[in-house]
Amino acid sequence: MKGWRTRIGFLVPPGNPTLEPEMAELTPPGVSLHFTRMHAEGPAGTHAGQEERNKSQVASIPACVRLLAMVRPSVIALAHTATSYTLGSAREAKLVAEMETLGGCRFVTAFGSVLAALKHLGVGRIAYATPYSAEMTARGTRHLEQCGITVVNSGHLADVRNIYEENSERAYLIARQVDRPEAEAIFLSGVGMPTLDALEVLEQDTGKPAISAASAMMWHALRTAGVQHQFSGYGRLLAG
């Protein structure tokens, strides 16, 4: 690891094949990424059983943090947005505090990163798009609004067999479908759905910021680690 000044760790759901290559696109010089998989039972990426998988993943987080702590990262990120919808704000805050003590470093969540990104952009009214079920999308909407974000419209992709089989074209499609003139920004939830290639095009076509859980998480992790880097081609959040 010679030459790597900053190490960032990620806790990844067991079936997610998307996160590593997307995060690799957003890795500045001098930063190394380290991944470990959380534990979950049952099929990966399906709508059925998502709540149960979320709960089992939460139970495995301490062991994963202990593993990542061995490489002494500056920050560890929980790379699963819907886990926060299951936990709620109070339990998430408790988890973050406990994992920072356990790992000896900063600990952030994908959803917490989205809140930080929206605050940075000065945004309070969003269009919200997901690859989730209608039930999980509604839960995400409620959680966003409980955190002070106004969701002017929300929607989810139709005919999803497996979240991890989706692509950036479908991400763009659902984002355009949920957008409304009164929305100040577009938020694409779900780090398992490729989104990075859709963000710049969305911003060009709508004239408003577009963020995803993946882009916000990497932006927040880098800033938390003290790394300032400007990216091009991924929207204004990562360009600033």
Protein backbone atom coordinates (compact mmCIF):
# COMPACT_ATOMS: atom_id res chain seq x y z
CA MET A 1 0.00 0.00 0.00
CA LYS A 2 2.97 2.27 -0.58
CA GLY A 3 1.91 5.79 -1.53
CA TRP A 4 -1.66 5.47 -0.26
CA ARG A 5 -2.21 8.25 2.22
CA THR A 6 -5.91 7.59 2.88
CA ARG A 7 -7.81 4.33 3.27
CA ILE A 8 -11.60 4.09 3.04
CA GLY A 9 -13.54 0.99 4.05
CA PHE A 10 -16.96 -0.13 2.81
CA LEU A 11 -19.47 -2.57 4.28
CA VAL A 12 -21.20 -4.10 1.27
CA PRO A 13 -24.30 -6.33 1.01
CA PRO A 14 -23.30 -9.89 0.06
CA GLY A 15 -24.88 -9.91 -3.41
CA ASN A 16 -23.93 -6.43 -4.65
CA PRO A 17 -21.64 -6.66 -7.73
CA THR A 18 -21.95 -2.94 -8.53
CA LEU A 19 -20.33 -1.05 -5.69
CA GLU A 20 -16.66 -1.89 -6.17
CA PRO A 21 -16.44 -0.79 -9.84
CA GLU A 22 -18.51 2.36 -9.20
CA MET A 23 -16.36 3.38 -6.24
CA ALA A 24 -13.22 2.61 -8.25
CA GLU A 25 -14.36 5.26 -10.76
CA LEU A 26 -14.36 7.81 -7.93
CA THR A 27 -11.01 7.02 -6.32
CA PRO A 28 -8.55 9.94 -6.33
CA PRO A 29 -4.79 9.42 -6.33
CA GLY A 30 -3.47 8.54 -2.89
CA VAL A 31 -6.69 6.83 -1.77
CA SER A 32 -7.16 3.08 -1.40
CA LEU A 33 -10.51 1.32 -1.02
CA HIS A 34 -11.15 -1.73 1.15
CA PHE A 35 -14.32 -3.83 1.08
CA THR A 36 -15.89 -6.50 3.22
CA ARG A 37 -19.24 -8.20 2.87
CA MET A 38 -22.02 -8.11 5.41
CA HIS A 39 -23.97 -11.29 6.12
CA ALA A 40 -27.53 -11.88 4.95
CA GLU A 41 -29.64 -14.96 4.42
CA GLY A 42 -31.78 -15.70 1.37
CA PRO A 43 -31.66 -14.53 -2.25
CA ALA A 44 -29.81 -11.28 -2.96
CA GLY A 45 -31.33 -8.25 -4.63
CA THR A 46 -34.97 -9.35 -4.69
CA HIS A 47 -37.86 -7.29 -3.34
CA ALA A 48 -39.12 -10.24 -1.32
CA GLY A 49 -37.22 -10.59 1.93
CA GLN A 50 -35.49 -7.21 1.80
CA GLU A 51 -36.50 -6.20 5.31
CA GLU A 52 -35.23 -9.50 6.74
CA ARG A 53 -31.94 -9.12 4.84
CA ASN A 54 -31.57 -5.59 6.18
CA LYS A 55 -31.92 -6.82 9.76
CA SER A 56 -29.44 -9.67 9.32
CA GLN A 57 -26.93 -7.30 7.72
CA VAL A 58 -27.20 -4.96 10.69
CA ALA A 59 -26.39 -7.85 13.02
CA SER A 60 -23.19 -8.56 11.08
CA ILE A 61 -21.89 -4.96 11.06
CA PRO A 62 -19.72 -5.14 14.23
CA ALA A 63 -17.76 -8.13 12.93
CA CYS A 64 -17.26 -6.39 9.58
CA VAL A 65 -16.03 -3.21 11.28
CA ARG A 66 -13.51 -5.22 13.28
CA LEU A 67 -12.15 -6.69 10.03
CA LEU A 68 -11.87 -3.35 8.25
CA ALA A 69 -10.30 -1.72 11.30
CA MET A 70 -7.27 -3.96 10.74
CA VAL A 71 -6.25 -1.84 7.72
CA ARG A 72 -6.67 1.34 9.80
CA PRO A 73 -9.03 3.27 7.52
CA SER A 74 -9.80 6.94 7.98
CA VAL A 75 -13.50 6.24 7.54
CA ILE A 76 -15.81 3.25 7.11
CA ALA A 77 -19.02 3.60 5.09
CA LEU A 78 -22.13 1.46 5.40
CA ALA A 79 -22.91 0.96 1.71
CA HIS A 80 -26.60 0.14 1.91
CA THR A 81 -29.18 2.93 1.88
CA ALA A 82 -32.28 0.93 2.82
CA THR A 83 -30.67 -0.22 6.06
CA SER A 84 -31.31 3.31 7.37
CA TYR A 85 -34.99 2.99 6.45
CA THR A 86 -35.15 -0.13 8.60
CA LEU A 87 -33.20 1.35 11.52
CA GLY A 88 -34.72 4.82 11.78
CA SER A 89 -32.78 7.92 12.84
CA ALA A 90 -32.30 7.15 16.53
CA ARG A 91 -31.05 3.59 16.04
CA GLU A 92 -28.80 4.70 13.16
CA ALA A 93 -27.21 7.42 15.29
CA LYS A 94 -26.58 4.85 18.04
CA LEU A 95 -25.06 2.43 15.53
CA VAL A 96 -22.76 5.13 14.11
CA ALA A 97 -21.49 6.06 17.58
CA GLU A 98 -20.90 2.43 18.55
CA MET A 99 -19.08 1.57 15.31
CA GLU A 100 -16.83 4.62 15.59
CA THR A 101 -15.78 3.43 19.04
CA LEU A 102 -15.35 -0.15 17.84
CA GLY A 103 -13.42 0.71 14.67
CA GLY A 104 -11.41 3.64 16.01
CA CYS A 105 -12.33 5.76 12.99
CA ARG A 106 -15.22 7.73 11.52
CA PHE A 107 -18.26 5.72 10.45
CA VAL A 108 -20.81 7.03 7.94
CA THR A 109 -23.89 5.60 6.27
CA ALA A 110 -25.09 5.90 2.70
CA PHE A 111 -28.28 7.60 3.84
CA GLY A 112 -26.45 9.94 6.19
CA SER A 113 -24.25 10.85 3.24
CA VAL A 114 -27.32 11.75 1.19
CA LEU A 115 -28.54 14.10 3.93
CA ALA A 116 -25.09 15.71 4.07
CA ALA A 117 -25.04 16.10 0.28
CA LEU A 118 -28.49 17.69 0.15
CA LYS A 119 -27.50 20.13 2.88
CA HIS A 120 -24.30 20.96 0.99
CA LEU A 121 -26.33 21.65 -2.16
CA GLY A 122 -28.85 23.74 -0.26
CA VAL A 123 -31.70 21.43 -1.25
CA GLY A 124 -34.83 20.70 0.78
CA ARG A 125 -37.35 19.53 -1.85
CA ILE A 126 -36.59 16.44 -3.91
CA ALA A 127 -37.92 13.93 -6.40
CA TYR A 128 -37.15 10.46 -5.05
CA ALA A 129 -36.56 7.40 -7.27
CA THR A 130 -35.74 3.82 -6.30
CA PRO A 131 -35.38 0.26 -7.61
CA TYR A 132 -37.20 -0.97 -4.46
CA SER A 133 -40.69 -2.31 -3.91
CA ALA A 134 -43.55 0.14 -3.44
CA GLU A 135 -43.51 -0.63 0.31
CA MET A 136 -39.79 0.03 0.76
CA THR A 137 -40.01 3.16 -1.41
CA ALA A 138 -42.83 4.47 0.80
CA ARG A 139 -40.73 3.72 3.88
CA GLY A 140 -37.84 5.65 2.35
CA THR A 141 -40.13 8.59 1.64
CA ARG A 142 -41.32 8.66 5.25
CA HIS A 143 -37.75 8.47 6.53
CA LEU A 144 -36.60 11.33 4.31
CA GLU A 145 -39.49 13.49 5.47
CA GLN A 146 -38.82 12.63 9.11
CA CYS A 147 -35.29 13.91 8.49
CA GLY A 148 -36.62 17.25 7.21
CA ILE A 149 -36.55 16.60 3.45
CA THR A 150 -39.73 17.30 1.47
CA VAL A 151 -40.41 14.57 -1.10
CA VAL A 152 -42.51 16.25 -3.78
CA ASN A 153 -42.85 13.02 -5.76
CA SER A 154 -41.53 9.46 -5.54
CA GLY A 155 -41.60 6.33 -7.62
CA HIS A 156 -39.97 2.97 -8.17
CA LEU A 157 -38.91 0.95 -11.19
CA ALA A 158 -41.43 -1.50 -12.55
CA ASP A 159 -40.69 -5.16 -13.28
CA VAL A 160 -37.58 -5.43 -11.12
CA ARG A 161 -36.54 -9.05 -10.78
CA ASN A 162 -33.28 -8.27 -9.01
CA ILE A 163 -32.00 -4.83 -8.04
CA TYR A 164 -28.44 -5.87 -8.93
CA GLU A 165 -29.45 -6.59 -12.54
CA GLU A 166 -30.57 -3.01 -13.19
CA ASN A 167 -28.55 -0.45 -15.19
CA SER A 168 -27.93 3.28 -15.46
CA GLU A 169 -30.38 3.64 -18.36
CA ARG A 170 -33.20 2.38 -16.16
CA ALA A 171 -31.98 4.63 -13.35
CA TYR A 172 -32.25 7.60 -15.70
CA LEU A 173 -35.73 6.51 -16.78
CA ILE A 174 -37.22 6.35 -13.29
CA ALA A 175 -35.50 9.61 -12.31
CA ARG A 176 -37.14 11.43 -15.21
CA GLN A 177 -40.49 9.85 -14.41
CA VAL A 178 -40.53 11.09 -10.81
CA ASP A 179 -39.12 14.57 -11.47
CA ARG A 180 -41.42 17.52 -10.99
CA PRO A 181 -40.85 21.26 -11.59
CA GLU A 182 -41.09 22.01 -7.87
CA ALA A 183 -38.34 19.50 -7.00
CA GLU A 184 -35.02 21.20 -6.37
CA ALA A 185 -33.02 18.02 -6.95
CA ILE A 186 -33.35 14.36 -7.88
CA PHE A 187 -32.26 11.58 -5.52
CA LEU A 188 -31.70 8.01 -6.73
CA SER A 189 -31.64 5.59 -3.80
CA GLY A 190 -30.03 2.16 -3.81
CA VAL A 191 -26.27 1.61 -4.17
CA GLY A 192 -26.94 -1.71 -5.88
CA MET A 193 -28.33 -0.02 -9.01
CA PRO A 194 -25.67 1.57 -11.27
CA THR A 195 -26.29 5.32 -11.26
CA LEU A 196 -23.04 7.19 -11.88
CA ASP A 197 -23.42 7.29 -15.67
CA ALA A 198 -26.91 8.78 -15.34
CA LEU A 199 -26.12 11.75 -13.09
CA GLU A 200 -24.47 14.18 -15.50
CA VAL A 201 -27.09 13.50 -18.19
CA LEU A 202 -29.89 14.02 -15.70
CA GLU A 203 -28.45 17.36 -14.66
CA GLN A 204 -28.05 18.48 -18.27
CA ASP A 205 -31.62 17.44 -19.14
CA THR A 206 -33.35 18.80 -16.03
CA GLY A 207 -31.15 21.73 -15.02
CA LYS A 208 -31.10 20.62 -11.38
CA PRO A 209 -28.72 18.59 -9.17
CA ALA A 210 -28.95 14.82 -9.40
CA ILE A 211 -27.38 12.65 -6.74
CA SER A 212 -27.43 8.97 -5.96
CA ALA A 213 -26.72 7.09 -2.78
CA ALA A 214 -23.44 5.93 -4.33
CA SER A 215 -22.24 9.38 -5.41
CA ALA A 216 -23.21 10.95 -2.10
CA MET A 217 -21.55 8.17 -0.09
CA MET A 218 -18.21 8.49 -1.86
CA TRP A 219 -18.35 12.30 -1.72
CA HIS A 220 -19.05 12.19 2.02
CA ALA A 221 -16.47 9.49 2.76
CA LEU A 222 -13.75 11.47 0.97
CA ARG A 223 -14.67 14.71 2.73
CA THR A 224 -14.83 12.93 6.08
CA ALA A 225 -11.34 11.55 5.43
CA GLY A 226 -10.10 15.05 4.60
CA VAL A 227 -9.71 14.43 0.86
CA GLN A 228 -10.72 17.25 -1.49
CA HIS A 229 -11.00 16.21 -5.13
CA GLN A 230 -12.99 17.53 -8.08
CA PHE A 231 -14.49 15.00 -10.47
CA SER A 232 -15.95 15.70 -13.88
CA GLY A 233 -18.82 13.82 -15.50
CA TYR A 234 -20.71 12.83 -12.33
CA GLY A 235 -22.80 15.91 -11.54
CA ARG A 236 -22.24 19.06 -9.54
CA LEU A 237 -21.94 17.41 -6.11
CA LEU A 238 -18.71 15.68 -7.07
CA ALA A 239 -17.53 18.55 -9.25
CA GLY A 240 -17.37 21.05 -6.38
